[in-house]
Amino acid sequence: MSKKATTRVELLQGTLDMLVLQALVFGPLHGHAIAMHIERTSNDVLRVDHGSLYPALYRLKKRGWISASWEPMPDRNRDAKYYRLTAAGKKRLASEHSKWRRLARAIGRVMQPA
């Protein structure tokens, strides 16, 4: 197993939801592209298993934070379900991002006390 593979991190449910919403900020993506975006932008540290991703997409859609529609894939002869961030999803992402910043600061204080 490569060093990169051994240092990957599995995501907690709430964190995965936030990262999916963030991945959709710049436009619609299909499920595999969402997973690849998260992995690529984390320099392959964060791993998104499809077994976790698709339930998260379903949950986010049910809550109204994303929408989905079947569309043709560019350069492919098939359709894929593309997900889009809704106005409610943008609002939720802002809230989650704020919570994440507070949590990261608190963990930093615990790990590196003054």
Protein backbone atom coordinates (compact mmCIF):
# COMPACT_ATOMS: atom_id res chain seq x y z
CA MET A 1 0.00 0.00 0.00
CA SER A 2 1.38 3.43 -0.91
CA LYS A 3 2.11 6.07 1.71
CA LYS A 4 -0.59 8.29 0.16
CA ALA A 5 -3.21 5.53 0.52
CA THR A 6 -2.32 4.95 4.19
CA THR A 7 -2.68 8.63 5.08
CA ARG A 8 -6.19 9.06 3.66
CA VAL A 9 -8.92 10.03 6.09
CA GLU A 10 -12.49 8.77 6.18
CA LEU A 11 -15.09 11.49 6.60
CA LEU A 12 -17.73 11.84 9.28
CA GLN A 13 -21.31 12.25 8.04
CA GLY A 14 -21.71 15.95 8.92
CA THR A 15 -18.32 16.81 7.44
CA LEU A 16 -19.14 14.96 4.23
CA ASP A 17 -22.40 16.90 3.89
CA MET A 18 -20.52 20.19 4.24
CA LEU A 19 -17.87 19.17 1.70
CA VAL A 20 -20.52 18.05 -0.82
CA LEU A 21 -22.27 21.41 -0.50
CA GLN A 22 -18.93 23.17 -0.95
CA ALA A 23 -18.13 21.09 -4.05
CA LEU A 24 -21.35 22.32 -5.66
CA VAL A 25 -20.68 26.04 -5.05
CA PHE A 26 -19.15 26.49 -8.50
CA GLY A 27 -21.80 24.57 -10.42
CA PRO A 28 -23.53 21.23 -10.97
CA LEU A 29 -21.61 17.97 -10.71
CA HIS A 30 -22.49 14.28 -10.92
CA GLY A 31 -21.71 12.02 -7.96
CA HIS A 32 -18.36 10.69 -9.12
CA ALA A 33 -17.19 14.23 -9.97
CA ILE A 34 -18.15 15.38 -6.47
CA ALA A 35 -16.05 12.61 -4.92
CA MET A 36 -13.12 13.37 -7.20
CA HIS A 37 -13.35 17.12 -6.45
CA ILE A 38 -13.14 16.50 -2.71
CA GLU A 39 -10.24 14.07 -3.10
CA ARG A 40 -8.35 16.30 -5.54
CA THR A 41 -8.79 19.55 -3.58
CA SER A 42 -7.66 17.81 -0.37
CA ASN A 43 -4.50 16.59 -2.16
CA ASP A 44 -5.87 13.04 -1.93
CA VAL A 45 -6.01 13.10 1.88
CA LEU A 46 -9.81 12.89 2.10
CA ARG A 47 -11.40 9.80 0.60
CA VAL A 48 -15.05 9.71 -0.36
CA ASP A 49 -16.50 6.22 -0.64
CA HIS A 50 -19.49 5.98 -2.96
CA GLY A 51 -21.20 3.96 -0.22
CA SER A 52 -21.17 7.13 1.91
CA LEU A 53 -21.55 9.68 -0.86
CA TYR A 54 -24.85 8.55 -2.37
CA PRO A 55 -26.70 8.35 0.97
CA ALA A 56 -25.36 11.87 1.71
CA LEU A 57 -26.65 13.13 -1.66
CA TYR A 58 -30.05 11.58 -0.95
CA ARG A 59 -30.12 13.16 2.53
CA LEU A 60 -29.12 16.60 1.20
CA LYS A 61 -31.74 16.40 -1.55
CA LYS A 62 -34.43 15.37 0.94
CA ARG A 63 -33.57 18.38 3.11
CA GLY A 64 -33.85 20.69 0.09
CA TRP A 65 -30.19 21.73 0.17
CA ILE A 66 -29.47 20.32 -3.29
CA SER A 67 -31.55 19.46 -6.34
CA ALA A 68 -30.89 16.76 -8.93
CA SER A 69 -31.71 16.14 -12.57
CA TRP A 70 -30.67 13.62 -15.22
CA GLU A 71 -28.60 15.25 -17.96
CA PRO A 72 -26.32 14.08 -20.77
CA MET A 73 -22.66 13.78 -19.85
CA PRO A 74 -20.32 15.78 -22.08
CA ASP A 75 -18.24 13.53 -24.37
CA ARG A 76 -20.18 10.43 -23.28
CA ASN A 77 -23.13 8.65 -24.75
CA ARG A 78 -25.10 8.45 -21.51
CA ASP A 79 -26.89 10.51 -18.90
CA ALA A 80 -25.84 11.11 -15.30
CA LYS A 81 -27.63 12.62 -12.34
CA TYR A 82 -26.27 16.12 -11.78
CA TYR A 83 -26.61 17.80 -8.41
CA ARG A 84 -27.00 21.56 -7.82
CA LEU A 85 -26.81 23.68 -4.71
CA THR A 86 -30.13 25.35 -3.82
CA ALA A 87 -30.58 28.71 -2.07
CA ALA A 88 -31.33 26.79 1.14
CA GLY A 89 -28.15 24.77 0.58
CA LYS A 90 -26.06 27.94 0.24
CA LYS A 91 -27.50 29.19 3.52
CA ARG A 92 -26.79 25.85 5.22
CA LEU A 93 -23.22 25.81 3.86
CA ALA A 94 -22.56 29.27 5.33
CA SER A 95 -23.81 28.06 8.71
CA GLU A 96 -21.78 24.85 8.59
CA HIS A 97 -18.65 26.73 7.51
CA SER A 98 -18.99 29.03 10.51
CA LYS A 99 -19.37 26.06 12.87
CA TRP A 100 -16.38 24.36 11.26
CA ARG A 101 -14.15 27.42 11.78
CA ARG A 102 -15.14 27.58 15.48
CA LEU A 103 -14.48 23.85 15.90
CA ALA A 104 -11.09 24.05 14.15
CA ARG A 105 -10.02 26.97 16.38
CA ALA A 106 -11.14 25.11 19.53
CA ILE A 107 -9.27 21.94 18.54
CA GLY A 108 -6.20 24.03 17.77
CA ARG A 109 -6.30 25.55 21.26
CA VAL A 110 -6.56 22.11 22.86
CA MET A 111 -3.77 20.61 20.74
CA GLN A 112 -1.40 23.59 21.16
CA PRO A 113 -2.16 25.24 24.50
CA ALA A 114 -0.57 28.64 25.11
